[in-house]
């Protein structure tokens, strides 16, 4: 493939990724305005099969981290992809109504989780 074609394809992929991110952001904003609770599309088992390492932070207390290098690549990539598409951050964590943990991304090659506090 010529260099020019590769550059055009790269631009198209970047554009498609930007559109996808914008669509997810729009969905989250509509949910916030309407007050509808989103439900997780996957079972928590998708995340539970990862190898987690316990850590403690001064601000958030106990949490766990799954490192890309310590996990089966396809299992880790699937979980990372779900969180990435959901724009899961520490401020907007990913979890379902029956989940034991909330999940988020921060930086590359790491997935974080923290036990949910139930009332």
PDB file of N, CA and C in Angstrom:
ATOM      1  N   UNK A   1       0.846  -1.165   0.000  1.00  0.00           N
ATOM      2  CA  UNK A   1       0.000   0.000   0.000  1.00  0.00           C
ATOM      3  C   UNK A   1       0.903   1.244   0.000  1.00  0.00           C
ATOM      4  N   UNK A   2       0.532   2.218  -0.768  1.00  0.00           N
ATOM      5  CA  UNK A   2       1.352   3.420  -0.861  1.00  0.00           C
ATOM      6  C   UNK A   2       1.214   4.269   0.409  1.00  0.00           C
ATOM      7  N   UNK A   3       2.188   5.131   0.610  1.00  0.00           N
ATOM      8  CA  UNK A   3       2.203   5.975   1.808  1.00  0.00           C
ATOM      9  C   UNK A   3       0.993   6.904   1.838  1.00  0.00           C
ATOM     10  N   UNK A   4       0.601   7.419   0.685  1.00  0.00           N
ATOM     11  CA  UNK A   4      -0.556   8.319   0.606  1.00  0.00           C
ATOM     12  C   UNK A   4      -1.843   7.623   1.008  1.00  0.00           C
ATOM     13  N   UNK A   5      -2.034   6.385   0.561  1.00  0.00           N
ATOM     14  CA  UNK A   5      -3.230   5.623   0.906  1.00  0.00           C
ATOM     15  C   UNK A   5      -3.249   5.328   2.406  1.00  0.00           C
ATOM     16  N   UNK A   6      -2.075   4.982   2.950  1.00  0.00           N
ATOM     17  CA  UNK A   6      -1.989   4.707   4.381  1.00  0.00           C
ATOM     18  C   UNK A   6      -2.361   5.943   5.211  1.00  0.00           C
ATOM     19  N   UNK A   7      -1.925   7.122   4.770  1.00  0.00           N
ATOM     20  CA  UNK A   7      -2.248   8.351   5.492  1.00  0.00           C
ATOM     21  C   UNK A   7      -3.747   8.637   5.443  1.00  0.00           C
ATOM     22  N   UNK A   8      -4.350   8.422   4.281  1.00  0.00           N
ATOM     23  CA  UNK A   8      -5.796   8.635   4.147  1.00  0.00           C
ATOM     24  C   UNK A   8      -6.553   7.671   5.046  1.00  0.00           C
ATOM     25  N   UNK A   9      -6.128   6.399   5.069  1.00  0.00           N
ATOM     26  CA  UNK A   9      -6.789   5.417   5.929  1.00  0.00           C
ATOM     27  C   UNK A   9      -6.616   5.770   7.405  1.00  0.00           C
ATOM     28  N   UNK A  10      -5.454   6.246   7.780  1.00  0.00           N
ATOM     29  CA  UNK A  10      -5.223   6.663   9.160  1.00  0.00           C
ATOM     30  C   UNK A  10      -6.136   7.823   9.543  1.00  0.00           C
ATOM     31  N   UNK A  11      -6.301   8.773   8.636  1.00  0.00           N
ATOM     32  CA  UNK A  11      -7.191   9.912   8.874  1.00  0.00           C
ATOM     33  C   UNK A  11      -8.631   9.428   9.038  1.00  0.00           C
ATOM     34  N   UNK A  12      -9.050   8.488   8.195  1.00  0.00           N
ATOM     35  CA  UNK A  12     -10.414   7.953   8.282  1.00  0.00           C
ATOM     36  C   UNK A  12     -10.645   7.211   9.596  1.00  0.00           C
ATOM     37  N   UNK A  13      -9.660   6.424  10.027  1.00  0.00           N
ATOM     38  CA  UNK A  13      -9.789   5.698  11.292  1.00  0.00           C
ATOM     39  C   UNK A  13      -9.865   6.685  12.448  1.00  0.00           C
ATOM     40  N   UNK A  14      -9.021   7.698  12.441  1.00  0.00           N
ATOM     41  CA  UNK A  14      -9.059   8.710  13.497  1.00  0.00           C
ATOM     42  C   UNK A  14     -10.401   9.435  13.522  1.00  0.00           C
ATOM     43  N   UNK A  15     -10.943   9.737  12.354  1.00  0.00           N
ATOM     44  CA  UNK A  15     -12.243  10.384  12.263  1.00  0.00           C
ATOM     45  C   UNK A  15     -13.340   9.478  12.832  1.00  0.00           C
ATOM     46  N   UNK A  16     -13.304   8.199  12.465  1.00  0.00           N
ATOM     47  CA  UNK A  16     -14.300   7.252  12.967  1.00  0.00           C
ATOM     48  C   UNK A  16     -14.203   7.121  14.488  1.00  0.00           C
ATOM     49  N   UNK A  17     -12.984   7.088  15.025  1.00  0.00           N
ATOM     50  CA  UNK A  17     -12.814   7.005  16.474  1.00  0.00           C
ATOM     51  C   UNK A  17     -13.359   8.252  17.165  1.00  0.00           C
ATOM     52  N   UNK A  18     -13.133   9.414  16.575  1.00  0.00           N
ATOM     53  CA  UNK A  18     -13.658  10.658  17.144  1.00  0.00           C
ATOM     54  C   UNK A  18     -15.184  10.665  17.126  1.00  0.00           C
ATOM     55  N   UNK A  19     -15.774  10.190  16.047  1.00  0.00           N
ATOM     56  CA  UNK A  19     -17.239  10.123  15.951  1.00  0.00           C
ATOM     57  C   UNK A  19     -17.810   9.177  17.005  1.00  0.00           C
ATOM     58  N   UNK A  20     -17.143   8.036  17.188  1.00  0.00           N
ATOM     59  CA  UNK A  20     -17.596   7.065  18.186  1.00  0.00           C
ATOM     60  C   UNK A  20     -17.533   7.667  19.590  1.00  0.00           C
ATOM     61  N   UNK A  21     -16.436   8.336  19.894  1.00  0.00           N
ATOM     62  CA  UNK A  21     -16.290   8.970  21.212  1.00  0.00           C
ATOM     63  C   UNK A  21     -17.354  10.049  21.418  1.00  0.00           C
ATOM     64  N   UNK A  22     -17.630  10.819  20.374  1.00  0.00           N
ATOM     65  CA  UNK A  22     -18.648  11.868  20.468  1.00  0.00           C
ATOM     66  C   UNK A  22     -20.034  11.258  20.694  1.00  0.00           C
ATOM     67  N   UNK A  23     -20.318  10.142  20.037  1.00  0.00           N
ATOM     68  CA  UNK A  23     -21.616   9.483  20.203  1.00  0.00           C
ATOM     69  C   UNK A  23     -21.783   8.955  21.627  1.00  0.00           C
ATOM     70  N   UNK A  24     -20.739   8.377  22.179  1.00  0.00           N
ATOM     71  CA  UNK A  24     -20.799   7.875  23.554  1.00  0.00           C
ATOM     72  C   UNK A  24     -20.993   9.028  24.526  1.00  0.00           C
ATOM     73  N   UNK A  25     -20.272  10.123  24.303  1.00  0.00           N
ATOM     74  CA  UNK A  25     -20.413  11.299  25.164  1.00  0.00           C
ATOM     75  C   UNK A  25     -21.829  11.858  25.093  1.00  0.00           C
ATOM     76  N   UNK A  26     -22.385  11.944  23.882  1.00  0.00           N
ATOM     77  CA  UNK A  26     -23.749  12.422  23.701  1.00  0.00           C
ATOM     78  C   UNK A  26     -24.738  11.540  24.459  1.00  0.00           C
ATOM     79  N   UNK A  27     -24.559  10.234  24.364  1.00  0.00           N
ATOM     80  CA  UNK A  27     -25.434   9.292  25.062  1.00  0.00           C
ATOM     81  C   UNK A  27     -25.383   9.529  26.571  1.00  0.00           C
ATOM     82  N   UNK A  28     -24.175   9.691  27.118  1.00  0.00           N
ATOM     83  CA  UNK A  28     -24.037   9.934  28.556  1.00  0.00           C
ATOM     84  C   UNK A  28     -24.715  11.236  28.967  1.00  0.00           C
ATOM     85  N   UNK A  29     -24.587  12.268  28.162  1.00  0.00           N
ATOM     86  CA  UNK A  29     -25.207  13.555  28.491  1.00  0.00           C
ATOM     87  C   UNK A  29     -26.730  13.477  28.441  1.00  0.00           C
ATOM     88  N   UNK A  30     -27.266  12.744  27.474  1.00  0.00           N
ATOM     89  CA  UNK A  30     -28.719  12.560  27.389  1.00  0.00           C
ATOM     90  C   UNK A  30     -29.217  11.799  28.607  1.00  0.00           C
ATOM     91  N   UNK A  31     -28.481  10.757  28.999  1.00  0.00           N
ATOM     92  CA  UNK A  31     -28.864   9.975  30.183  1.00  0.00           C
ATOM     93  C   UNK A  31     -28.870  10.859  31.417  1.00  0.00           C
ATOM     94  N   UNK A  32     -27.872  11.744  31.542  1.00  0.00           N
ATOM     95  CA  UNK A  32     -27.826  12.655  32.686  1.00  0.00           C
ATOM     96  C   UNK A  32     -29.017  13.601  32.683  1.00  0.00           C
ATOM     97  N   UNK A  33     -29.371  14.128  31.523  1.00  0.00           N
ATOM     98  CA  UNK A  33     -30.490  15.066  31.424  1.00  0.00           C
ATOM     99  C   UNK A  33     -31.820  14.393  31.713  1.00  0.00           C
ATOM    100  N   UNK A  34     -32.007  13.209  31.180  1.00  0.00           N
ATOM    101  CA  UNK A  34     -33.279  12.513  31.312  1.00  0.00           C
ATOM    102  C   UNK A  34     -33.381  11.805  32.658  1.00  0.00           C
ATOM    103  N   UNK A  35     -32.234  11.455  33.236  1.00  0.00           N
ATOM    104  CA  UNK A  35     -32.236  10.771  34.520  1.00  0.00           C
ATOM    105  C   UNK A  35     -32.427   9.276  34.414  1.00  0.00           C
ATOM    106  N   UNK A  36     -32.175   8.718  33.252  1.00  0.00           N
ATOM    107  CA  UNK A  36     -32.295   7.278  33.052  1.00  0.00           C
ATOM    108  C   UNK A  36     -31.005   6.624  33.509  1.00  0.00           C
ATOM    109  N   UNK A  37     -31.133   5.535  34.236  1.00  0.00           N
ATOM    110  CA  UNK A  37     -29.938   4.808  34.659  1.00  0.00           C
ATOM    111  C   UNK A  37     -29.541   3.845  33.562  1.00  0.00           C
ATOM    112  N   UNK A  38     -28.250   3.884  33.216  1.00  0.00           N
ATOM    113  CA  UNK A  38     -27.739   2.950  32.225  1.00  0.00           C
ATOM    114  C   UNK A  38     -27.492   1.608  32.891  1.00  0.00           C
ATOM    115  N   UNK A  39     -27.714   0.555  32.162  1.00  0.00           N
ATOM    116  CA  UNK A  39     -27.390  -0.764  32.687  1.00  0.00           C
ATOM    117  C   UNK A  39     -26.185  -1.301  31.921  1.00  0.00           C
ATOM    118  N   UNK A  40     -25.371  -2.033  32.614  1.00  0.00           N
ATOM    119  CA  UNK A  40     -24.180  -2.598  31.985  1.00  0.00           C
ATOM    120  C   UNK A  40     -24.597  -3.657  30.980  1.00  0.00           C
ATOM    121  N   UNK A  41     -23.907  -3.669  29.872  1.00  0.00           N
ATOM    122  CA  UNK A  41     -24.257  -4.589  28.792  1.00  0.00           C
ATOM    123  C   UNK A  41     -23.579  -5.942  28.943  1.00  0.00           C
ATOM    124  N   UNK A  42     -22.624  -6.046  29.836  1.00  0.00           N
ATOM    125  CA  UNK A  42     -21.887  -7.295  29.982  1.00  0.00           C
ATOM    126  C   UNK A  42     -21.949  -7.774  31.423  1.00  0.00           C
ATOM    127  N   UNK A  43     -21.707  -9.060  31.599  1.00  0.00           N
ATOM    128  CA  UNK A  43     -21.659  -9.622  32.940  1.00  0.00           C
ATOM    129  C   UNK A  43     -20.336  -9.238  33.590  1.00  0.00           C
ATOM    130  N   UNK A  44     -20.353  -9.145  34.889  1.00  0.00           N
ATOM    131  CA  UNK A  44     -19.137  -8.757  35.614  1.00  0.00           C
ATOM    132  C   UNK A  44     -18.031  -9.794  35.445  1.00  0.00           C
ATOM    133  N   UNK A  45     -18.385 -10.990  35.086  1.00  0.00           N
ATOM    134  CA  UNK A  45     -17.395 -12.054  34.855  1.00  0.00           C
ATOM    135  C   UNK A  45     -16.334 -11.620  33.837  1.00  0.00           C
ATOM    136  N   UNK A  46     -16.713 -10.760  32.897  1.00  0.00           N
ATOM    137  CA  UNK A  46     -15.772 -10.230  31.906  1.00  0.00           C
ATOM    138  C   UNK A  46     -14.581  -9.586  32.597  1.00  0.00           C
ATOM    139  N   UNK A  47     -14.820  -8.957  33.735  1.00  0.00           N
ATOM    140  CA  UNK A  47     -13.759  -8.292  34.483  1.00  0.00           C
ATOM    141  C   UNK A  47     -13.164  -9.196  35.563  1.00  0.00           C
ATOM    142  N   UNK A  48     -13.995 -10.057  36.158  1.00  0.00           N
ATOM    143  CA  UNK A  48     -13.535 -10.902  37.257  1.00  0.00           C
ATOM    144  C   UNK A  48     -12.479 -11.916  36.833  1.00  0.00           C
ATOM    145  N   UNK A  49     -12.444 -12.283  35.550  1.00  0.00           N
ATOM    146  CA  UNK A  49     -11.459 -13.275  35.095  1.00  0.00           C
ATOM    147  C   UNK A  49     -10.051 -12.696  34.980  1.00  0.00           C
ATOM    148  N   UNK A  50      -9.927 -11.390  35.111  1.00  0.00           N
ATOM    149  CA  UNK A  50      -8.606 -10.761  35.055  1.00  0.00           C
ATOM    150  C   UNK A  50      -7.862 -10.990  36.369  1.00  0.00           C
ATOM    151  N   UNK A  51      -6.535 -10.879  36.295  1.00  0.00           N
ATOM    152  CA  UNK A  51      -5.692 -10.986  37.496  1.00  0.00           C
ATOM    153  C   UNK A  51      -5.559  -9.597  38.100  1.00  0.00           C
ATOM    154  N   UNK A  52      -6.012  -9.460  39.337  1.00  0.00           N
ATOM    155  CA  UNK A  52      -6.053  -8.162  40.017  1.00  0.00           C
ATOM    156  C   UNK A  52      -5.009  -8.098  41.113  1.00  0.00           C
ATOM    157  N   UNK A  53      -4.399  -6.927  41.279  1.00  0.00           N
ATOM    158  CA  UNK A  53      -3.421  -6.691  42.344  1.00  0.00           C
ATOM    159  C   UNK A  53      -3.958  -5.599  43.260  1.00  0.00           C
ATOM    160  N   UNK A  54      -4.025  -5.906  44.558  1.00  0.00           N
ATOM    161  CA  UNK A  54      -4.564  -4.953  45.540  1.00  0.00           C
ATOM    162  C   UNK A  54      -3.585  -3.810  45.775  1.00  0.00           C
ATOM    163  N   UNK A  55      -4.152  -2.619  45.927  1.00  0.00           N
ATOM    164  CA  UNK A  55      -3.368  -1.433  46.223  1.00  0.00           C
ATOM    165  C   UNK A  55      -4.191  -0.531  47.140  1.00  0.00           C
ATOM    166  N   UNK A  56      -3.516   0.423  47.753  1.00  0.00           N
ATOM    167  CA  UNK A  56      -4.194   1.378  48.622  1.00  0.00           C
ATOM    168  C   UNK A  56      -3.710   2.777  48.287  1.00  0.00           C
ATOM    169  N   UNK A  57      -4.654   3.693  48.145  1.00  0.00           N
ATOM    170  CA  UNK A  57      -4.325   5.086  47.862  1.00  0.00           C
ATOM    171  C   UNK A  57      -4.790   5.975  49.003  1.00  0.00           C
ATOM    172  N   UNK A  58      -4.141   7.094  49.174  1.00  0.00           N
ATOM    173  CA  UNK A  58      -4.495   7.997  50.276  1.00  0.00           C
ATOM    174  C   UNK A  58      -5.865   8.637  50.069  1.00  0.00           C
ATOM    175  N   UNK A  59      -6.268   8.816  48.824  1.00  0.00           N
ATOM    176  CA  UNK A  59      -7.559   9.475  48.554  1.00  0.00           C
ATOM    177  C   UNK A  59      -8.732   8.507  48.455  1.00  0.00           C
ATOM    178  N   UNK A  60      -8.541   7.401  47.724  1.00  0.00           N
ATOM    179  CA  UNK A  60      -9.690   6.511  47.478  1.00  0.00           C
ATOM    180  C   UNK A  60      -9.652   5.227  48.290  1.00  0.00           C
ATOM    181  N   UNK A  61      -8.618   5.020  49.062  1.00  0.00           N
ATOM    182  CA  UNK A  61      -8.541   3.823  49.891  1.00  0.00           C
ATOM    183  C   UNK A  61      -8.124   2.604  49.088  1.00  0.00           C
ATOM    184  N   UNK A  62      -8.747   1.460  49.394  1.00  0.00           N
ATOM    185  CA  UNK A  62      -8.381   0.207  48.739  1.00  0.00           C
ATOM    186  C   UNK A  62      -9.007   0.116  47.350  1.00  0.00           C
ATOM    187  N   UNK A  63      -8.205  -0.355  46.414  1.00  0.00           N
ATOM    188  CA  UNK A  63      -8.647  -0.597  45.045  1.00  0.00           C
ATOM    189  C   UNK A  63      -7.750  -1.676  44.451  1.00  0.00           C
ATOM    190  N   UNK A  64      -8.054  -2.107  43.232  1.00  0.00           N
ATOM    191  CA  UNK A  64      -7.268  -3.142  42.568  1.00  0.00           C
ATOM    192  C   UNK A  64      -6.933  -2.700  41.156  1.00  0.00           C
ATOM    193  N   UNK A  65      -5.825  -3.218  40.647  1.00  0.00           N
ATOM    194  CA  UNK A  65      -5.371  -2.890  39.297  1.00  0.00           C
ATOM    195  C   UNK A  65      -5.105  -4.182  38.531  1.00  0.00           C
ATOM    196  N   UNK A  66      -5.572  -4.219  37.280  1.00  0.00           N
ATOM    197  CA  UNK A  66      -5.254  -5.319  36.362  1.00  0.00           C
ATOM    198  C   UNK A  66      -4.324  -4.753  35.298  1.00  0.00           C
ATOM    199  N   UNK A  67      -3.109  -5.287  35.244  1.00  0.00           N
ATOM    200  CA  UNK A  67      -2.119  -4.824  34.278  1.00  0.00           C
ATOM    201  C   UNK A  67      -2.208  -5.653  32.998  1.00  0.00           C
ATOM    202  N   UNK A  68      -2.080  -4.994  31.882  1.00  0.00           N
ATOM    203  CA  UNK A  68      -2.143  -5.673  30.584  1.00  0.00           C
ATOM    204  C   UNK A  68      -1.119  -6.796  30.496  1.00  0.00           C
ATOM    205  N   UNK A  69       0.093  -6.536  30.975  1.00  0.00           N
ATOM    206  CA  UNK A  69       1.177  -7.515  30.860  1.00  0.00           C
ATOM    207  C   UNK A  69       0.985  -8.738  31.745  1.00  0.00           C
ATOM    208  N   UNK A  70       0.089  -8.682  32.731  1.00  0.00           N
ATOM    209  CA  UNK A  70      -0.131  -9.793  33.655  1.00  0.00           C
ATOM    210  C   UNK A  70      -1.385 -10.589  33.329  1.00  0.00           C
ATOM    211  N   UNK A  71      -2.020 -10.298  32.196  1.00  0.00           N
ATOM    212  CA  UNK A  71      -3.288 -10.938  31.853  1.00  0.00           C
ATOM    213  C   UNK A  71      -3.260 -11.526  30.455  1.00  0.00           C
ATOM    214  N   UNK A  72      -4.214 -12.412  30.189  1.00  0.00           N
ATOM    215  CA  UNK A  72      -4.370 -12.996  28.863  1.00  0.00           C
ATOM    216  C   UNK A  72      -4.783 -11.866  27.925  1.00  0.00           C
ATOM    217  N   UNK A  73      -4.032 -11.649  26.837  1.00  0.00           N
ATOM    218  CA  UNK A  73      -4.266 -10.477  25.975  1.00  0.00           C
ATOM    219  C   UNK A  73      -5.699 -10.290  25.499  1.00  0.00           C
ATOM    220  N   UNK A  74      -6.362 -11.337  25.009  1.00  0.00           N
ATOM    221  CA  UNK A  74      -7.712 -11.133  24.476  1.00  0.00           C
ATOM    222  C   UNK A  74      -8.722 -10.838  25.575  1.00  0.00           C
ATOM    223  N   UNK A  75      -8.554 -11.433  26.756  1.00  0.00           N
ATOM    224  CA  UNK A  75      -9.470 -11.158  27.872  1.00  0.00           C
ATOM    225  C   UNK A  75      -9.288  -9.726  28.370  1.00  0.00           C
ATOM    226  N   UNK A  76      -8.025  -9.300  28.487  1.00  0.00           N
ATOM    227  CA  UNK A  76      -7.742  -7.942  28.952  1.00  0.00           C
ATOM    228  C   UNK A  76      -8.248  -6.921  27.938  1.00  0.00           C
ATOM    229  N   UNK A  77      -8.011  -7.178  26.658  1.00  0.00           N
ATOM    230  CA  UNK A  77      -8.436  -6.251  25.603  1.00  0.00           C
ATOM    231  C   UNK A  77      -9.946  -6.104  25.547  1.00  0.00           C
ATOM    232  N   UNK A  78     -10.660  -7.206  25.774  1.00  0.00           N
ATOM    233  CA  UNK A  78     -12.127  -7.137  25.772  1.00  0.00           C
ATOM    234  C   UNK A  78     -12.616  -6.235  26.902  1.00  0.00           C
ATOM    235  N   UNK A  79     -12.092  -6.425  28.097  1.00  0.00           N
ATOM    236  CA  UNK A  79     -12.499  -5.602  29.238  1.00  0.00           C
ATOM    237  C   UNK A  79     -12.095  -4.143  29.024  1.00  0.00           C
ATOM    238  N   UNK A  80     -10.888  -3.916  28.540  1.00  0.00           N
ATOM    239  CA  UNK A  80     -10.406  -2.555  28.289  1.00  0.00           C
ATOM    240  C   UNK A  80     -11.286  -1.863  27.241  1.00  0.00           C
ATOM    241  N   UNK A  81     -11.643  -2.595  26.191  1.00  0.00           N
ATOM    242  CA  UNK A  81     -12.480  -2.031  25.129  1.00  0.00           C
ATOM    243  C   UNK A  81     -13.846  -1.598  25.630  1.00  0.00           C
ATOM    244  N   UNK A  82     -14.442  -2.400  26.502  1.00  0.00           N
ATOM    245  CA  UNK A  82     -15.753  -2.058  27.067  1.00  0.00           C
ATOM    246  C   UNK A  82     -15.660  -0.767  27.870  1.00  0.00           C
ATOM    247  N   UNK A  83     -14.628  -0.666  28.698  1.00  0.00           N
ATOM    248  CA  UNK A  83     -14.466   0.532  29.524  1.00  0.00           C
ATOM    249  C   UNK A  83     -14.112   1.753  28.687  1.00  0.00           C
ATOM    250  N   UNK A  84     -13.318   1.540  27.657  1.00  0.00           N
ATOM    251  CA  UNK A  84     -12.934   2.644  26.779  1.00  0.00           C
ATOM    252  C   UNK A  84     -14.141   3.193  26.026  1.00  0.00           C
ATOM    253  N   UNK A  85     -14.959   2.303  25.483  1.00  0.00           N
ATOM    254  CA  UNK A  85     -16.149   2.731  24.745  1.00  0.00           C
ATOM    255  C   UNK A  85     -17.167   3.410  25.662  1.00  0.00           C
ATOM    256  N   UNK A  86     -17.141   3.050  26.925  1.00  0.00           N
ATOM    257  CA  UNK A  86     -18.069   3.652  27.893  1.00  0.00           C
ATOM    258  C   UNK A  86     -17.504   4.906  28.536  1.00  0.00           C
ATOM    259  N   UNK A  87     -16.299   5.297  28.129  1.00  0.00           N
ATOM    260  CA  UNK A  87     -15.629   6.458  28.727  1.00  0.00           C
ATOM    261  C   UNK A  87     -15.569   6.351  30.248  1.00  0.00           C
ATOM    262  N   UNK A  88     -15.220   5.163  30.740  1.00  0.00           N
ATOM    263  CA  UNK A  88     -15.166   4.927  32.176  1.00  0.00           C
ATOM    264  C   UNK A  88     -13.941   5.613  32.780  1.00  0.00           C
ATOM    265  N   UNK A  89     -14.197   6.541  33.683  1.00  0.00           N
ATOM    266  CA  UNK A  89     -13.133   7.254  34.392  1.00  0.00           C
ATOM    267  C   UNK A  89     -13.389   7.107  35.887  1.00  0.00           C
ATOM    268  N   UNK A  90     -12.462   7.584  36.689  1.00  0.00           N
ATOM    269  CA  UNK A  90     -12.654   7.496  38.136  1.00  0.00           C
ATOM    270  C   UNK A  90     -13.891   8.293  38.568  1.00  0.00           C
ATOM    271  N   UNK A  91     -14.214   9.344  37.831  1.00  0.00           N
ATOM    272  CA  UNK A  91     -15.386  10.165  38.156  1.00  0.00           C
ATOM    273  C   UNK A  91     -16.675   9.594  37.577  1.00  0.00           C
ATOM    274  N   UNK A  92     -16.563   8.764  36.552  1.00  0.00           N
ATOM    275  CA  UNK A  92     -17.728   8.171  35.888  1.00  0.00           C
ATOM    276  C   UNK A  92     -17.448   6.685  35.670  1.00  0.00           C
ATOM    277  N   UNK A  93     -17.572   5.933  36.729  1.00  0.00           N
ATOM    278  CA  UNK A  93     -17.177   4.523  36.710  1.00  0.00           C
ATOM    279  C   UNK A  93     -18.228   3.640  36.045  1.00  0.00           C
ATOM    280  N   UNK A  94     -17.755   2.503  35.537  1.00  0.00           N
ATOM    281  CA  UNK A  94     -18.610   1.536  34.853  1.00  0.00           C
ATOM    282  C   UNK A  94     -19.016   0.449  35.846  1.00  0.00           C
ATOM    283  N   UNK A  95     -20.340   0.206  35.962  1.00  0.00           N
ATOM    284  CA  UNK A  95     -20.823  -0.909  36.781  1.00  0.00           C
ATOM    285  C   UNK A  95     -22.291  -1.140  36.489  1.00  0.00           C
ATOM    286  N   UNK A  96     -22.706  -2.344  36.769  1.00  0.00           N
ATOM    287  CA  UNK A  96     -24.110  -2.702  36.629  1.00  0.00           C
ATOM    288  C   UNK A  96     -24.767  -2.738  37.984  1.00  0.00           C
ATOM    289  N   UNK A  97     -26.077  -2.910  38.003  1.00  0.00           N
ATOM    290  CA  UNK A  97     -26.824  -2.887  39.267  1.00  0.00           C
ATOM    291  C   UNK A  97     -26.456  -4.059  40.169  1.00  0.00           C
ATOM    292  N   UNK A  98     -26.007  -5.158  39.583  1.00  0.00           N
ATOM    293  CA  UNK A  98     -25.651  -6.324  40.396  1.00  0.00           C
ATOM    294  C   UNK A  98     -24.141  -6.533  40.506  1.00  0.00           C
ATOM    295  N   UNK A  99     -23.362  -5.563  40.119  1.00  0.00           N
ATOM    296  CA  UNK A  99     -21.896  -5.655  40.197  1.00  0.00           C
ATOM    297  C   UNK A  99     -21.422  -5.512  41.646  1.00  0.00           C
ATOM    298  N   UNK A 100     -20.320  -6.163  41.964  1.00  0.00           N
ATOM    299  CA  UNK A 100     -19.675  -6.015  43.268  1.00  0.00           C
ATOM    300  C   UNK A 100     -18.632  -4.897  43.230  1.00  0.00           C
ATOM    301  N   UNK A 101     -18.137  -4.578  42.026  1.00  0.00           N
ATOM    302  CA  UNK A 101     -17.094  -3.572  41.850  1.00  0.00           C
ATOM    303  C   UNK A 101     -17.503  -2.544  40.806  1.00  0.00           C
ATOM    304  N   UNK A 102     -16.863  -1.375  40.884  1.00  0.00           N
ATOM    305  CA  UNK A 102     -16.956  -0.391  39.801  1.00  0.00           C
ATOM    306  C   UNK A 102     -15.593  -0.379  39.107  1.00  0.00           C
ATOM    307  N   UNK A 103     -15.582  -0.068  37.803  1.00  0.00           N
ATOM    308  CA  UNK A 103     -14.381  -0.180  36.980  1.00  0.00           C
ATOM    309  C   UNK A 103     -14.111   1.120  36.241  1.00  0.00           C
ATOM    310  N   UNK A 104     -12.827   1.431  36.026  1.00  0.00           N
ATOM    311  CA  UNK A 104     -12.466   2.620  35.276  1.00  0.00           C
ATOM    312  C   UNK A 104     -11.073   2.486  34.698  1.00  0.00           C
ATOM    313  N   UNK A 105     -10.759   3.389  33.778  1.00  0.00           N
ATOM    314  CA  UNK A 105      -9.443   3.441  33.147  1.00  0.00           C
ATOM    315  C   UNK A 105      -8.722   4.707  33.569  1.00  0.00           C
ATOM    316  N   UNK A 106      -7.420   4.589  33.696  1.00  0.00           N
ATOM    317  CA  UNK A 106      -6.571   5.755  33.933  1.00  0.00           C
ATOM    318  C   UNK A 106      -5.191   5.380  33.424  1.00  0.00           C
ATOM    319  N   UNK A 107      -4.725   6.095  32.421  1.00  0.00           N
ATOM    320  CA  UNK A 107      -3.441   5.748  31.821  1.00  0.00           C
ATOM    321  C   UNK A 107      -3.582   4.547  30.899  1.00  0.00           C
ATOM    322  N   UNK A 108      -2.462   4.141  30.333  1.00  0.00           N
ATOM    323  CA  UNK A 108      -2.471   3.017  29.406  1.00  0.00           C
ATOM    324  C   UNK A 108      -2.107   1.718  30.113  1.00  0.00           C
ATOM    325  N   UNK A 109      -2.630   0.636  29.601  1.00  0.00           N
ATOM    326  CA  UNK A 109      -2.279  -0.716  30.028  1.00  0.00           C
ATOM    327  C   UNK A 109      -2.678  -1.042  31.471  1.00  0.00           C
ATOM    328  N   UNK A 110      -3.685  -0.325  32.016  1.00  0.00           N
ATOM    329  CA  UNK A 110      -4.167  -0.608  33.368  1.00  0.00           C
ATOM    330  C   UNK A 110      -5.680  -0.439  33.434  1.00  0.00           C
ATOM    331  N   UNK A 111      -6.316  -1.361  34.142  1.00  0.00           N
ATOM    332  CA  UNK A 111      -7.742  -1.266  34.450  1.00  0.00           C
ATOM    333  C   UNK A 111      -7.854  -1.247  35.971  1.00  0.00           C
ATOM    334  N   UNK A 112      -8.683  -0.359  36.489  1.00  0.00           N
ATOM    335  CA  UNK A 112      -8.848  -0.222  37.932  1.00  0.00           C
ATOM    336  C   UNK A 112     -10.237  -0.685  38.345  1.00  0.00           C
ATOM    337  N   UNK A 113     -10.337  -1.135  39.582  1.00  0.00           N
ATOM    338  CA  UNK A 113     -11.648  -1.447  40.157  1.00  0.00           C
ATOM    339  C   UNK A 113     -11.621  -1.200  41.652  1.00  0.00           C
ATOM    340  N   UNK A 114     -12.833  -0.928  42.179  1.00  0.00           N
ATOM    341  CA  UNK A 114     -12.990  -0.704  43.608  1.00  0.00           C
ATOM    342  C   UNK A 114     -14.320  -1.283  44.034  1.00  0.00           C
ATOM    343  N   UNK A 115     -14.335  -1.898  45.205  1.00  0.00           N
ATOM    344  CA  UNK A 115     -15.554  -2.492  45.732  1.00  0.00           C
ATOM    345  C   UNK A 115     -16.617  -1.419  45.897  1.00  0.00           C
ATOM    346  N   UNK A 116     -17.816  -1.720  45.410  1.00  0.00           N
ATOM    347  CA  UNK A 116     -18.942  -0.789  45.559  1.00  0.00           C
ATOM    348  C   UNK A 116     -19.418  -0.765  46.992  1.00  0.00           C
ATOM    349  N   UNK A 117     -19.771   0.409  47.459  1.00  0.00           N
ATOM    350  CA  UNK A 117     -20.317   0.558  48.813  1.00  0.00           C
ATOM    351  C   UNK A 117     -21.838   0.521  48.686  1.00  0.00           C
ATOM    352  N   UNK A 118     -22.435  -0.516  49.216  1.00  0.00           N
ATOM    353  CA  UNK A 118     -23.896  -0.678  49.155  1.00  0.00           C
ATOM    354  C   UNK A 118     -24.537  -0.140  50.420  1.00  0.00           C
ATOM    355  N   UNK A 119     -25.666   0.518  50.244  1.00  0.00           N
ATOM    356  CA  UNK A 119     -26.383   1.091  51.393  1.00  0.00           C
ATOM    357  C   UNK A 119     -27.191   0.031  52.107  1.00  0.00           C
TER     358      UNK A 119
END
